[in-house]
PDB file of N, CA and C in Angstrom:
ATOM      1  N   MET A   1      80.944 -82.768  59.409  1.00  0.00           N
ATOM      2  CA  MET A   1      82.343 -82.120  59.818  1.00  0.00           C
ATOM      3  C   MET A   1      82.654 -80.457  59.505  1.00  0.00           C
ATOM      4  N   ASN A   2      83.024 -79.928  60.318  1.00  0.00           N
ATOM      5  CA  ASN A   2      83.644 -78.288  60.102  1.00  0.00           C
ATOM      6  C   ASN A   2      84.512 -78.359  58.818  1.00  0.00           C
ATOM      7  N   ASP A   3      84.047 -77.564  57.744  1.00  0.00           N
ATOM      8  CA  ASP A   3      85.292 -77.420  56.625  1.00  0.00           C
ATOM      9  C   ASP A   3      85.687 -75.925  56.992  1.00  0.00           C
ATOM     10  N   VAL A   4      85.539 -75.387  57.831  1.00  0.00           N
ATOM     11  CA  VAL A   4      86.052 -73.676  57.847  1.00  0.00           C
ATOM     12  C   VAL A   4      87.582 -74.029  58.277  1.00  0.00           C
ATOM     13  N   PRO A   5      88.270 -73.431  57.176  1.00  0.00           N
ATOM     14  CA  PRO A   5      89.735 -73.015  57.579  1.00  0.00           C
ATOM     15  C   PRO A   5      89.953 -72.250  58.645  1.00  0.00           C
ATOM     16  N   LEU A   6      90.909 -72.623  59.578  1.00  0.00           N
ATOM     17  CA  LEU A   6      91.841 -71.816  60.484  1.00  0.00           C
ATOM     18  C   LEU A   6      92.306 -70.585  59.958  1.00  0.00           C
ATOM     19  N   HIS A   7      92.549 -69.868  60.734  1.00  0.00           N
ATOM     20  CA  HIS A   7      93.164 -68.123  60.419  1.00  0.00           C
ATOM     21  C   HIS A   7      94.504 -68.878  59.731  1.00  0.00           C
ATOM     22  N   LYS A   8      95.214 -69.433  60.238  1.00  0.00           N
ATOM     23  CA  LYS A   8      96.822 -69.709  60.321  1.00  0.00           C
ATOM     24  C   LYS A   8      96.805 -70.392  58.816  1.00  0.00           C
ATOM     25  N   GLU A   9      95.726 -70.939  58.296  1.00  0.00           N
ATOM     26  CA  GLU A   9      95.654 -71.960  57.421  1.00  0.00           C
ATOM     27  C   GLU A   9      95.409 -70.815  55.906  1.00  0.00           C
ATOM     28  N   LEU A  10      94.925 -69.737  56.117  1.00  0.00           N
ATOM     29  CA  LEU A  10      94.491 -69.015  54.975  1.00  0.00           C
ATOM     30  C   LEU A  10      95.692 -68.462  54.348  1.00  0.00           C
ATOM     31  N   PRO A  11      95.534 -68.406  53.028  1.00  0.00           N
ATOM     32  CA  PRO A  11      96.436 -67.608  52.103  1.00  0.00           C
ATOM     33  C   PRO A  11      96.818 -66.654  51.996  1.00  0.00           C
ATOM     34  N   LEU A  12      96.327 -65.505  52.638  1.00  0.00           N
ATOM     35  CA  LEU A  12      96.776 -64.107  52.821  1.00  0.00           C
ATOM     36  C   LEU A  12      97.029 -64.077  54.308  1.00  0.00           C
ATOM     37  N   PRO A  13      98.363 -63.761  54.862  1.00  0.00           N
ATOM     38  CA  PRO A  13      98.402 -63.147  56.317  1.00  0.00           C
ATOM     39  C   PRO A  13      97.973 -62.032  56.639  1.00  0.00           C
ATOM     40  N   ASP A  14      97.458 -62.096  57.816  1.00  0.00           N
ATOM     41  CA  ASP A  14      96.465 -61.072  58.479  1.00  0.00           C
ATOM     42  C   ASP A  14      95.489 -60.549  57.650  1.00  0.00           C
ATOM     43  N   TYR A  15      94.749 -61.811  56.833  1.00  0.00           N
ATOM     44  CA  TYR A  15      93.407 -61.329  56.118  1.00  0.00           C
ATOM     45  C   TYR A  15      92.521 -60.660  57.006  1.00  0.00           C
ATOM     46  N   ASP A  16      92.152 -61.021  58.291  1.00  0.00           N
ATOM     47  CA  ASP A  16      91.159 -60.077  59.052  1.00  0.00           C
ATOM     48  C   ASP A  16      91.454 -58.676  59.144  1.00  0.00           C
ATOM     49  N   HIS A  17      92.431 -58.136  58.885  1.00  0.00           N
ATOM     50  CA  HIS A  17      92.872 -56.999  59.078  1.00  0.00           C
ATOM     51  C   HIS A  17      93.351 -56.057  57.914  1.00  0.00           C
ATOM     52  N   LEU A  18      93.071 -56.764  56.859  1.00  0.00           N
ATOM     53  CA  LEU A  18      93.356 -56.049  54.990  1.00  0.00           C
ATOM     54  C   LEU A  18      91.964 -55.255  55.078  1.00  0.00           C
ATOM     55  N   PRO A  19      92.391 -53.803  54.656  1.00  0.00           N
ATOM     56  CA  PRO A  19      91.622 -52.936  54.249  1.00  0.00           C
ATOM     57  C   PRO A  19      90.736 -53.460  53.075  1.00  0.00           C
ATOM     58  N   ALA A  20      89.646 -53.486  52.961  1.00  0.00           N
ATOM     59  CA  ALA A  20      88.668 -53.708  51.802  1.00  0.00           C
ATOM     60  C   ALA A  20      89.225 -53.316  50.481  1.00  0.00           C
ATOM     61  N   GLY A  21      89.531 -51.996  50.587  1.00  0.00           N
ATOM     62  CA  GLY A  21      90.364 -51.534  49.420  1.00  0.00           C
ATOM     63  C   GLY A  21      91.584 -51.927  48.511  1.00  0.00           C
ATOM     64  N   THR A  22      92.296 -52.624  49.622  1.00  0.00           N
ATOM     65  CA  THR A  22      93.443 -53.589  48.976  1.00  0.00           C
ATOM     66  C   THR A  22      93.061 -54.797  48.730  1.00  0.00           C
ATOM     67  N   LEU A  23      91.887 -55.641  49.062  1.00  0.00           N
ATOM     68  CA  LEU A  23      91.643 -56.859  48.714  1.00  0.00           C
ATOM     69  C   LEU A  23      91.837 -57.203  47.066  1.00  0.00           C
ATOM     70  N   PRO A  24      91.343 -56.521  46.160  1.00  0.00           N
ATOM     71  CA  PRO A  24      91.428 -57.019  44.938  1.00  0.00           C
ATOM     72  C   PRO A  24      92.760 -57.225  44.583  1.00  0.00           C
ATOM     73  N   SER A  25      93.745 -56.333  44.784  1.00  0.00           N
ATOM     74  CA  SER A  25      95.407 -56.714  44.745  1.00  0.00           C
ATOM     75  C   SER A  25      95.794 -57.680  45.306  1.00  0.00           C
ATOM     76  N   ARG A  26      95.343 -57.931  46.525  1.00  0.00           N
ATOM     77  CA  ARG A  26      95.821 -58.859  47.188  1.00  0.00           C
ATOM     78  C   ARG A  26      95.525 -60.432  47.045  1.00  0.00           C
ATOM     79  N   ILE A  27      94.135 -60.776  46.219  1.00  0.00           N
ATOM     80  CA  ILE A  27      93.714 -61.748  45.885  1.00  0.00           C
ATOM     81  C   ILE A  27      94.192 -62.139  44.358  1.00  0.00           C
ATOM     82  N   SER A  28      94.906 -61.159  43.523  1.00  0.00           N
ATOM     83  CA  SER A  28      94.973 -61.182  42.233  1.00  0.00           C
ATOM     84  C   SER A  28      95.759 -62.269  41.892  1.00  0.00           C
ATOM     85  N   GLY A  29      96.746 -62.782  42.591  1.00  0.00           N
ATOM     86  CA  GLY A  29      97.779 -63.919  42.465  1.00  0.00           C
ATOM     87  C   GLY A  29      97.264 -65.112  43.109  1.00  0.00           C
ATOM     88  N   LEU A  30      95.934 -65.413  43.719  1.00  0.00           N
ATOM     89  CA  LEU A  30      95.561 -66.672  44.178  1.00  0.00           C
ATOM     90  C   LEU A  30      94.900 -67.193  43.242  1.00  0.00           C
ATOM     91  N   GLU A  31      95.069 -68.801  43.664  1.00  0.00           N
ATOM     92  CA  GLU A  31      94.377 -69.894  42.592  1.00  0.00           C
ATOM     93  C   GLU A  31      93.007 -69.835  43.335  1.00  0.00           C
ATOM     94  N   GLU A  32      92.115 -70.519  42.286  1.00  0.00           N
ATOM     95  CA  GLU A  32      90.691 -70.710  42.531  1.00  0.00           C
ATOM     96  C   GLU A  32      90.292 -71.331  43.851  1.00  0.00           C
ATOM     97  N   THR A  33      91.199 -72.256  44.059  1.00  0.00           N
ATOM     98  CA  THR A  33      90.916 -73.153  45.664  1.00  0.00           C
ATOM     99  C   THR A  33      91.295 -71.938  46.861  1.00  0.00           C
ATOM    100  N   GLU A  34      92.123 -71.560  46.580  1.00  0.00           N
ATOM    101  CA  GLU A  34      92.321 -70.411  47.603  1.00  0.00           C
ATOM    102  C   GLU A  34      91.311 -69.278  47.831  1.00  0.00           C
ATOM    103  N   VAL A  35      91.137 -68.740  46.895  1.00  0.00           N
ATOM    104  CA  VAL A  35      89.665 -67.769  46.987  1.00  0.00           C
ATOM    105  C   VAL A  35      88.529 -68.527  47.644  1.00  0.00           C
ATOM    106  N   ALA A  36      88.438 -69.591  47.148  1.00  0.00           N
ATOM    107  CA  ALA A  36      87.361 -70.385  47.774  1.00  0.00           C
ATOM    108  C   ALA A  36      87.286 -70.565  49.014  1.00  0.00           C
ATOM    109  N   GLN A  37      88.630 -70.725  49.552  1.00  0.00           N
ATOM    110  CA  GLN A  37      89.204 -71.115  50.930  1.00  0.00           C
ATOM    111  C   GLN A  37      88.830 -69.752  51.943  1.00  0.00           C
ATOM    112  N   LEU A  38      89.098 -68.520  51.328  1.00  0.00           N
ATOM    113  CA  LEU A  38      88.886 -67.391  51.752  1.00  0.00           C
ATOM    114  C   LEU A  38      87.224 -67.283  51.977  1.00  0.00           C
ATOM    115  N   ILE A  39      86.551 -67.522  50.897  1.00  0.00           N
ATOM    116  CA  ILE A  39      84.881 -67.059  51.209  1.00  0.00           C
ATOM    117  C   ILE A  39      84.453 -67.671  52.038  1.00  0.00           C
ATOM    118  N   THR A  40      84.991 -69.219  52.247  1.00  0.00           N
ATOM    119  CA  THR A  40      84.680 -69.941  53.265  1.00  0.00           C
ATOM    120  C   THR A  40      84.738 -69.458  54.847  1.00  0.00           C
ATOM    121  N   TYR A  41      85.865 -69.064  54.825  1.00  0.00           N
ATOM    122  CA  TYR A  41      86.552 -68.434  55.983  1.00  0.00           C
ATOM    123  C   TYR A  41      85.602 -66.955  56.233  1.00  0.00           C
ATOM    124  N   GLU A  42      85.375 -66.376  55.365  1.00  0.00           N
ATOM    125  CA  GLU A  42      84.734 -65.064  55.589  1.00  0.00           C
ATOM    126  C   GLU A  42      83.600 -65.263  55.793  1.00  0.00           C
ATOM    127  N   LYS A  43      82.558 -66.399  55.293  1.00  0.00           N
ATOM    128  CA  LYS A  43      81.055 -66.635  55.362  1.00  0.00           C
ATOM    129  C   LYS A  43      80.935 -67.078  56.890  1.00  0.00           C
ATOM    130  N   ALA A  44      81.959 -67.811  57.718  1.00  0.00           N
ATOM    131  CA  ALA A  44      82.134 -68.441  58.681  1.00  0.00           C
ATOM    132  C   ALA A  44      82.137 -67.028  59.960  1.00  0.00           C
ATOM    133  N   HIS A  45      83.029 -66.366  59.473  1.00  0.00           N
ATOM    134  CA  HIS A  45      83.571 -65.374  60.600  1.00  0.00           C
ATOM    135  C   HIS A  45      82.907 -63.684  60.419  1.00  0.00           C
ATOM    136  N   GLY A  46      83.482 -63.196  59.583  1.00  0.00           N
ATOM    137  CA  GLY A  46      82.937 -61.874  59.542  1.00  0.00           C
ATOM    138  C   GLY A  46      81.470 -61.908  58.831  1.00  0.00           C
ATOM    139  N   ASN A  47      81.406 -62.330  57.574  1.00  0.00           N
ATOM    140  CA  ASN A  47      80.462 -62.636  56.405  1.00  0.00           C
ATOM    141  C   ASN A  47      79.903 -61.023  56.122  1.00  0.00           C
ATOM    142  N   ARG A  48      80.969 -60.339  55.775  1.00  0.00           N
ATOM    143  CA  ARG A  48      80.775 -58.914  55.089  1.00  0.00           C
ATOM    144  C   ARG A  48      80.659 -58.831  54.103  1.00  0.00           C
ATOM    145  N   LEU A  49      79.485 -58.283  53.673  1.00  0.00           N
ATOM    146  CA  LEU A  49      79.095 -58.309  52.132  1.00  0.00           C
ATOM    147  C   LEU A  49      79.840 -57.442  51.144  1.00  0.00           C
ATOM    148  N   PRO A  50      80.464 -56.563  51.355  1.00  0.00           N
ATOM    149  CA  PRO A  50      81.164 -56.057  50.428  1.00  0.00           C
ATOM    150  C   PRO A  50      82.762 -57.150  50.108  1.00  0.00           C
ATOM    151  N   ILE A  51      82.820 -57.730  51.317  1.00  0.00           N
ATOM    152  CA  ILE A  51      84.436 -58.373  51.079  1.00  0.00           C
ATOM    153  C   ILE A  51      83.802 -59.934  50.375  1.00  0.00           C
ATOM    154  N   LEU A  52      82.876 -60.405  50.717  1.00  0.00           N
ATOM    155  CA  LEU A  52      82.182 -61.423  49.828  1.00  0.00           C
ATOM    156  C   LEU A  52      81.801 -61.185  48.499  1.00  0.00           C
ATOM    157  N   GLN A  53      81.592 -60.044  48.239  1.00  0.00           N
ATOM    158  CA  GLN A  53      81.288 -59.803  46.794  1.00  0.00           C
ATOM    159  C   GLN A  53      82.568 -59.491  45.898  1.00  0.00           C
ATOM    160  N   ILE A  54      83.785 -59.099  46.579  1.00  0.00           N
ATOM    161  CA  ILE A  54      84.961 -58.671  46.244  1.00  0.00           C
ATOM    162  C   ILE A  54      85.479 -60.209  45.685  1.00  0.00           C
ATOM    163  N   LEU A  55      85.283 -61.076  46.678  1.00  0.00           N
ATOM    164  CA  LEU A  55      85.774 -62.535  46.677  1.00  0.00           C
ATOM    165  C   LEU A  55      85.285 -63.177  45.510  1.00  0.00           C
ATOM    166  N   GLU A  56      83.562 -63.328  45.547  1.00  0.00           N
ATOM    167  CA  GLU A  56      82.995 -64.166  44.815  1.00  0.00           C
ATOM    168  C   GLU A  56      83.094 -63.407  43.507  1.00  0.00           C
ATOM    169  N   LYS A  57      83.463 -62.402  43.357  1.00  0.00           N
ATOM    170  CA  LYS A  57      83.502 -61.636  41.730  1.00  0.00           C
ATOM    171  C   LYS A  57      85.277 -62.536  41.213  1.00  0.00           C
ATOM    172  N   ARG A  58      85.851 -62.520  42.104  1.00  0.00           N
ATOM    173  CA  ARG A  58      87.362 -62.748  41.519  1.00  0.00           C
ATOM    174  C   ARG A  58      86.920 -64.560  41.614  1.00  0.00           C
ATOM    175  N   LEU A  59      86.465 -65.254  42.246  1.00  0.00           N
ATOM    176  CA  LEU A  59      86.466 -66.554  41.812  1.00  0.00           C
ATOM    177  C   LEU A  59      85.461 -66.837  40.808  1.00  0.00           C
ATOM    178  N   HIS A  60      84.510 -66.129  40.579  1.00  0.00           N
ATOM    179  CA  HIS A  60      83.811 -65.960  39.155  1.00  0.00           C
ATOM    180  C   HIS A  60      84.647 -66.046  38.236  1.00  0.00           C
ATOM    181  N   ASP A  61      85.570 -64.971  38.038  1.00  0.00           N
ATOM    182  CA  ASP A  61      86.540 -64.788  37.126  1.00  0.00           C
ATOM    183  C   ASP A  61      87.394 -65.947  36.869  1.00  0.00           C
ATOM    184  N   LEU A  62      87.879 -66.142  37.832  1.00  0.00           N
ATOM    185  CA  LEU A  62      88.856 -67.496  37.980  1.00  0.00           C
ATOM    186  C   LEU A  62      88.420 -68.672  37.030  1.00  0.00           C
ATOM    187  N   GLN A  63      87.069 -69.311  37.600  1.00  0.00           N
ATOM    188  CA  GLN A  63      86.193 -69.889  36.979  1.00  0.00           C
ATOM    189  C   GLN A  63      85.921 -69.848  35.487  1.00  0.00           C
ATOM    190  N   GLY A  64      85.808 -68.650  35.188  1.00  0.00           N
ATOM    191  CA  GLY A  64      85.856 -68.165  33.830  1.00  0.00           C
ATOM    192  C   GLY A  64      86.879 -68.142  32.984  1.00  0.00           C
ATOM    193  N   GLY A  65      88.034 -68.368  33.413  1.00  0.00           N
ATOM    194  CA  GLY A  65      89.216 -68.706  32.738  1.00  0.00           C
ATOM    195  C   GLY A  65      90.401 -67.505  32.987  1.00  0.00           C
ATOM    196  N   ALA A  66      90.079 -66.904  33.852  1.00  0.00           N
ATOM    197  CA  ALA A  66      91.094 -65.760  34.523  1.00  0.00           C
ATOM    198  C   ALA A  66      92.648 -66.115  35.071  1.00  0.00           C
ATOM    199  N   VAL A  67      93.299 -65.840  34.842  1.00  0.00           N
ATOM    200  CA  VAL A  67      94.993 -66.175  35.356  1.00  0.00           C
ATOM    201  C   VAL A  67      95.615 -65.573  36.399  1.00  0.00           C
ATOM    202  N   PRO A  68      95.536 -66.183  37.700  1.00  0.00           N
ATOM    203  CA  PRO A  68      96.255 -65.172  38.712  1.00  0.00           C
ATOM    204  C   PRO A  68      97.568 -64.715  38.308  1.00  0.00           C
ATOM    205  N   ARG A  69      97.491 -63.468  38.653  1.00  0.00           N
ATOM    206  CA  ARG A  69      98.260 -62.612  38.314  1.00  0.00           C
ATOM    207  C   ARG A  69      99.269 -61.990  39.352  1.00  0.00           C
ATOM    208  N   GLY A  70     100.369 -61.537  39.442  1.00  0.00           N
ATOM    209  CA  GLY A  70     101.100 -60.598  40.533  1.00  0.00           C
ATOM    210  C   GLY A  70     101.674 -61.836  41.589  1.00  0.00           C
ATOM    211  N   PRO A  71     102.068 -61.245  42.543  1.00  0.00           N
ATOM    212  CA  PRO A  71     102.965 -61.953  43.643  1.00  0.00           C
ATOM    213  C   PRO A  71     101.864 -62.963  44.139  1.00  0.00           C
ATOM    214  N   HIS A  72     102.060 -64.348  44.383  1.00  0.00           N
ATOM    215  CA  HIS A  72     100.953 -64.869  44.968  1.00  0.00           C
ATOM    216  C   HIS A  72     100.784 -64.694  46.551  1.00  0.00           C
ATOM    217  N   SER A  73     101.793 -64.276  47.482  1.00  0.00           N
ATOM    218  CA  SER A  73     101.588 -63.283  48.469  1.00  0.00           C
ATOM    219  C   SER A  73     102.256 -62.116  48.771  1.00  0.00           C
ATOM    220  N   PRO A  74     101.426 -61.094  48.166  1.00  0.00           N
ATOM    221  CA  PRO A  74     102.031 -59.852  48.245  1.00  0.00           C
ATOM    222  C   PRO A  74     102.305 -59.156  49.764  1.00  0.00           C
ATOM    223  N   SER A  75     102.804 -58.215  49.941  1.00  0.00           N
ATOM    224  CA  SER A  75     103.355 -57.769  51.097  1.00  0.00           C
ATOM    225  C   SER A  75     102.131 -56.954  51.683  1.00  0.00           C
ATOM    226  N   THR A  76     102.131 -56.670  52.850  1.00  0.00           N
ATOM    227  CA  THR A  76     101.086 -55.985  53.559  1.00  0.00           C
ATOM    228  C   THR A  76     101.625 -54.965  53.955  1.00  0.00           C
ATOM    229  N   PRO A  77     101.917 -53.617  53.541  1.00  0.00           N
ATOM    230  CA  PRO A  77     102.461 -52.856  54.094  1.00  0.00           C
ATOM    231  C   PRO A  77     101.711 -51.939  55.122  1.00  0.00           C
ATOM    232  N   GLU A  78     100.371 -52.200  55.117  1.00  0.00           N
ATOM    233  CA  GLU A  78      99.373 -51.192  56.190  1.00  0.00           C
ATOM    234  C   GLU A  78      99.385 -52.304  57.465  1.00  0.00           C
ATOM    235  N   VAL A  79      99.845 -53.647  57.569  1.00  0.00           N
ATOM    236  CA  VAL A  79      99.756 -54.238  58.659  1.00  0.00           C
ATOM    237  C   VAL A  79     101.160 -53.897  59.180  1.00  0.00           C
ATOM    238  N   ASN A  80     101.198 -53.375  60.316  1.00  0.00           N
ATOM    239  CA  ASN A  80     102.181 -53.167  61.223  1.00  0.00           C
ATOM    240  C   ASN A  80     102.784 -54.018  62.115  1.00  0.00           C
ATOM    241  N   THR A  81     103.560 -54.951  61.828  1.00  0.00           N
ATOM    242  CA  THR A  81     103.726 -56.057  63.241  1.00  0.00           C
ATOM    243  C   THR A  81     105.059 -55.691  64.014  1.00  0.00           C
ATOM    244  N   ALA A  82     105.689 -54.910  63.393  1.00  0.00           N
ATOM    245  CA  ALA A  82     107.294 -54.473  64.173  1.00  0.00           C
ATOM    246  C   ALA A  82     106.644 -53.627  65.555  1.00  0.00           C
ATOM    247  N   GLN A  83     107.922 -53.663  66.250  1.00  0.00           N
ATOM    248  CA  GLN A  83     107.734 -52.890  67.378  1.00  0.00           C
ATOM    249  C   GLN A  83     108.276 -51.730  67.009  1.00  0.00           C
ATOM    250  N   PRO A  84     107.912 -50.526  68.170  1.00  0.00           N
ATOM    251  CA  PRO A  84     108.508 -49.041  67.558  1.00  0.00           C
ATOM    252  C   PRO A  84     109.698 -49.210  68.021  1.00  0.00           C
ATOM    253  N   ASP A  85     110.847 -48.453  67.732  1.00  0.00           N
ATOM    254  CA  ASP A  85     112.317 -48.483  67.834  1.00  0.00           C
ATOM    255  C   ASP A  85     112.389 -47.961  69.177  1.00  0.00           C
ATOM    256  N   THR A  86     111.660 -46.783  69.598  1.00  0.00           N
ATOM    257  CA  THR A  86     111.871 -45.959  71.104  1.00  0.00           C
ATOM    258  C   THR A  86     110.276 -45.764  71.099  1.00  0.00           C
ATOM    259  N   PRO A  87     110.289 -46.068  72.314  1.00  0.00           N
ATOM    260  CA  PRO A  87     108.941 -45.414  72.964  1.00  0.00           C
ATOM    261  C   PRO A  87     108.861 -44.006  73.128  1.00  0.00           C
ATOM    262  N   GLN A  88     107.565 -43.522  73.090  1.00  0.00           N
ATOM    263  CA  GLN A  88     107.576 -42.180  73.006  1.00  0.00           C
ATOM    264  C   GLN A  88     107.684 -41.613  74.332  1.00  0.00           C
ATOM    265  N   SER A  89     108.493 -40.806  74.741  1.00  0.00           N
ATOM    266  CA  SER A  89     108.641 -40.100  76.268  1.00  0.00           C
ATOM    267  C   SER A  89     107.596 -39.442  76.543  1.00  0.00           C
ATOM    268  N   ALA A  90     107.167 -39.022  77.764  1.00  0.00           N
ATOM    269  CA  ALA A  90     106.163 -38.642  78.570  1.00  0.00           C
ATOM    270  C   ALA A  90     106.810 -37.019  78.707  1.00  0.00           C
ATOM    271  N   GLN A  91     108.007 -36.805  78.236  1.00  0.00           N
ATOM    272  CA  GLN A  91     108.459 -35.448  78.336  1.00  0.00           C
ATOM    273  C   GLN A  91     108.102 -34.542  77.091  1.00  0.00           C
ATOM    274  N   VAL A  92     107.648 -35.275  76.219  1.00  0.00           N
ATOM    275  CA  VAL A  92     107.577 -34.557  74.615  1.00  0.00           C
ATOM    276  C   VAL A  92     106.445 -33.507  74.923  1.00  0.00           C
ATOM    277  N   PRO A  93     106.434 -32.222  74.939  1.00  0.00           N
ATOM    278  CA  PRO A  93     105.411 -31.439  75.072  1.00  0.00           C
ATOM    279  C   PRO A  93     104.334 -31.404  74.177  1.00  0.00           C
ATOM    280  N   GLY A  94     103.323 -31.039  74.635  1.00  0.00           N
ATOM    281  CA  GLY A  94     102.173 -31.020  73.665  1.00  0.00           C
ATOM    282  C   GLY A  94     102.160 -29.619  72.920  1.00  0.00           C
ATOM    283  N   PRO A  95     101.017 -29.424  72.108  1.00  0.00           N
ATOM    284  CA  PRO A  95     100.796 -27.944  71.316  1.00  0.00           C
ATOM    285  C   PRO A  95     101.059 -26.959  72.483  1.00  0.00           C
ATOM    286  N   PRO A  96     101.318 -25.724  72.217  1.00  0.00           N
ATOM    287  CA  PRO A  96     101.368 -24.457  72.994  1.00  0.00           C
ATOM    288  C   PRO A  96      99.477 -24.209  72.895  1.00  0.00           C
ATOM    289  N   ILE A  97      99.629 -23.582  74.038  1.00  0.00           N
ATOM    290  CA  ILE A  97      98.058 -23.257  74.576  1.00  0.00           C
ATOM    291  C   ILE A  97      98.090 -21.804  74.341  1.00  0.00           C
ATOM    292  N   ASN A  98      97.192 -21.159  73.417  1.00  0.00           N
ATOM    293  CA  ASN A  98      96.920 -19.773  73.422  1.00  0.00           C
ATOM    294  C   ASN A  98      96.088 -19.209  74.582  1.00  0.00           C
ATOM    295  N   PRO A  99      96.252 -18.194  74.898  1.00  0.00           N
ATOM    296  CA  PRO A  99      95.658 -17.474  76.215  1.00  0.00           C
ATOM    297  C   PRO A  99      94.411 -17.112  75.237  1.00  0.00           C
ATOM    298  N   PRO A 100      93.470 -17.091  76.063  1.00  0.00           N
ATOM    299  CA  PRO A 100      91.738 -16.742  75.494  1.00  0.00           C
ATOM    300  C   PRO A 100      91.839 -15.290  75.012  1.00  0.00           C
ATOM    301  N   SER A 101      90.943 -14.745  74.049  1.00  0.00           N
ATOM    302  CA  SER A 101      90.947 -13.793  73.369  1.00  0.00           C
ATOM    303  C   SER A 101      90.808 -12.583  74.080  1.00  0.00           C
ATOM    304  N   GLN A 102      90.523 -12.675  75.385  1.00  0.00           N
ATOM    305  CA  GLN A 102      90.061 -11.498  76.223  1.00  0.00           C
ATOM    306  C   GLN A 102      91.170 -11.302  77.277  1.00  0.00           C
ATOM    307  N   GLY A 103      92.237 -12.109  77.118  1.00  0.00           N
ATOM    308  CA  GLY A 103      93.684 -12.116  77.650  1.00  0.00           C
ATOM    309  C   GLY A 103      93.936 -13.334  78.516  1.00  0.00           C
ATOM    310  N   ASP A 104      94.724 -13.180  79.703  1.00  0.00           N
ATOM    311  CA  ASP A 104      95.503 -14.613  80.382  1.00  0.00           C
ATOM    312  C   ASP A 104      94.531 -14.237  81.555  1.00  0.00           C
ATOM    313  N   PRO A 105      93.677 -15.052  82.041  1.00  0.00           N
ATOM    314  CA  PRO A 105      93.017 -14.786  83.212  1.00  0.00           C
ATOM    315  C   PRO A 105      93.989 -15.088  84.415  1.00  0.00           C
ATOM    316  N   THR A 106      94.813 -15.363  84.419  1.00  0.00           N
ATOM    317  CA  THR A 106      96.096 -15.705  85.471  1.00  0.00           C
ATOM    318  C   THR A 106      96.653 -14.128  85.701  1.00  0.00           C
ATOM    319  N   ASN A 107      96.584 -13.280  84.957  1.00  0.00           N
ATOM    320  CA  ASN A 107      97.562 -12.072  85.054  1.00  0.00           C
ATOM    321  C   ASN A 107      96.805 -11.082  85.917  1.00  0.00           C
ATOM    322  N   PRO A 108      97.129 -10.489  86.741  1.00  0.00           N
ATOM    323  CA  PRO A 108      96.417  -9.866  87.757  1.00  0.00           C
ATOM    324  C   PRO A 108      96.368  -8.280  87.093  1.00  0.00           C
ATOM    325  N   ALA A 109      97.335  -7.850  86.001  1.00  0.00           N
ATOM    326  CA  ALA A 109      97.342  -6.832  85.420  1.00  0.00           C
ATOM    327  C   ALA A 109      96.219  -6.470  84.261  1.00  0.00           C
ATOM    328  N   GLN A 110      95.465  -7.452  83.879  1.00  0.00           N
ATOM    329  CA  GLN A 110      94.274  -7.235  83.105  1.00  0.00           C
ATOM    330  C   GLN A 110      93.053  -7.486  83.709  1.00  0.00           C
ATOM    331  N   PRO A 111      92.195  -6.913  83.332  1.00  0.00           N
ATOM    332  CA  PRO A 111      90.824  -6.646  83.650  1.00  0.00           C
ATOM    333  C   PRO A 111      90.191  -7.883  83.458  1.00  0.00           C
ATOM    334  N   ARG A 112      89.356  -8.198  84.077  1.00  0.00           N
ATOM    335  CA  ARG A 112      88.549  -9.460  84.283  1.00  0.00           C
ATOM    336  C   ARG A 112      87.004  -9.149  83.704  1.00  0.00           C
TER     337      ARG A 112
END
């Protein structure tokens, strides 16, 4: 039977979109079984070595007596799920365009 957890069953919301640099703080509040669940999911889906190293080190620490600390489900500020307040208007001007150093080629008074 397939024991790989589904994405919606993972203990971290939007796990696939979390930056690797924030993962250690995100998993600090998880229990041993939850970290093992993330390892199983990662091996079946992304199999990213840096992520697996972080998860396996945390699992090893928990098995060695480390205690989960911090919030169980920390916020994920880098994952923006909200809709923008107002769509950007097409009338927003871009940056000003400077004429080339030899002058404006559309100006008939300047030599070309």
